[in-house]
Protein backbone atom coordinates (compact mmCIF):
# COMPACT_ATOMS: atom_id res chain seq x y z
CA UNK A 1 14.73 26.65 -0.68
CA UNK A 2 12.16 29.36 -0.93
CA UNK A 3 8.98 29.22 0.75
CA UNK A 4 5.79 29.18 -1.47
CA UNK A 5 2.33 29.95 0.06
CA UNK A 6 -0.54 28.09 -1.78
CA UNK A 7 -2.68 28.72 -3.53
CA UNK A 8 -1.33 32.05 -4.24
CA UNK A 9 1.91 30.96 -5.78
CA UNK A 10 0.25 28.58 -8.18
CA UNK A 11 1.43 25.38 -9.62
CA UNK A 12 4.38 26.74 -11.25
CA UNK A 13 6.99 26.43 -8.16
CA UNK A 14 5.86 22.77 -7.44
CA UNK A 15 5.92 21.85 -11.19
CA UNK A 16 9.58 23.21 -11.45
CA UNK A 17 10.66 21.18 -8.22
CA UNK A 18 9.17 18.04 -9.86
CA UNK A 19 10.94 18.62 -13.11
CA UNK A 20 14.28 19.32 -11.35
CA UNK A 21 14.13 15.86 -9.51
CA UNK A 22 16.78 13.32 -10.36
CA UNK A 23 16.12 10.58 -8.00
CA UNK A 24 12.81 10.89 -6.11
CA UNK A 25 9.56 12.93 -5.36
CA UNK A 26 7.49 12.29 -2.46
CA UNK A 27 4.37 14.19 -2.21
CA UNK A 28 1.74 14.30 0.66
CA UNK A 29 -1.64 15.94 -0.09
CA UNK A 30 -5.25 15.97 0.90
CA UNK A 31 -6.41 16.54 -2.77
CA UNK A 32 -4.60 16.31 -6.05
CA UNK A 33 -6.37 17.44 -9.23
CA UNK A 34 -3.98 20.21 -10.68
CA UNK A 35 -3.31 19.01 -14.14
CA UNK A 36 0.21 20.48 -14.52
CA UNK A 37 1.30 18.90 -11.32
CA UNK A 38 -0.12 15.60 -12.36
CA UNK A 39 1.49 15.77 -15.80
CA UNK A 40 4.89 16.66 -14.13
CA UNK A 41 4.55 13.68 -11.62
CA UNK A 42 3.79 11.35 -14.74
CA UNK A 43 6.65 12.71 -16.74
CA UNK A 44 9.16 12.37 -13.64
CA UNK A 45 7.96 8.71 -13.31
CA UNK A 46 8.54 8.34 -17.09
CA UNK A 47 12.17 9.44 -16.92
CA UNK A 48 12.95 6.95 -14.17
CA UNK A 49 12.34 9.05 -11.00
CA UNK A 50 10.83 7.37 -8.08
CA UNK A 51 7.69 9.01 -7.56
CA UNK A 52 5.53 8.46 -4.27
CA UNK A 53 2.15 10.18 -3.59
CA UNK A 54 0.37 9.87 -0.33
CA UNK A 55 -3.36 11.02 -0.43
CA UNK A 56 -5.38 11.36 2.60
CA UNK A 57 -8.43 9.56 2.34
CA UNK A 58 -11.51 10.09 4.53
CA UNK A 59 -14.11 7.46 4.80
CA UNK A 60 -17.77 8.36 5.58
CA UNK A 61 -20.16 5.87 6.60
């Protein structure tokens, strides 16, 4: 598997990986707002792929 350095590679390599998933996609991120990635995750879920997203939350008081 190639190494993609973000943000320079853009979202296309990530979207392609999500689109190629057959069984599961697991994502761990600090922030997720890229629409093409979100749409690819939604489409993967719609086609029956187990999609799990872990987003780190920082609580401030």
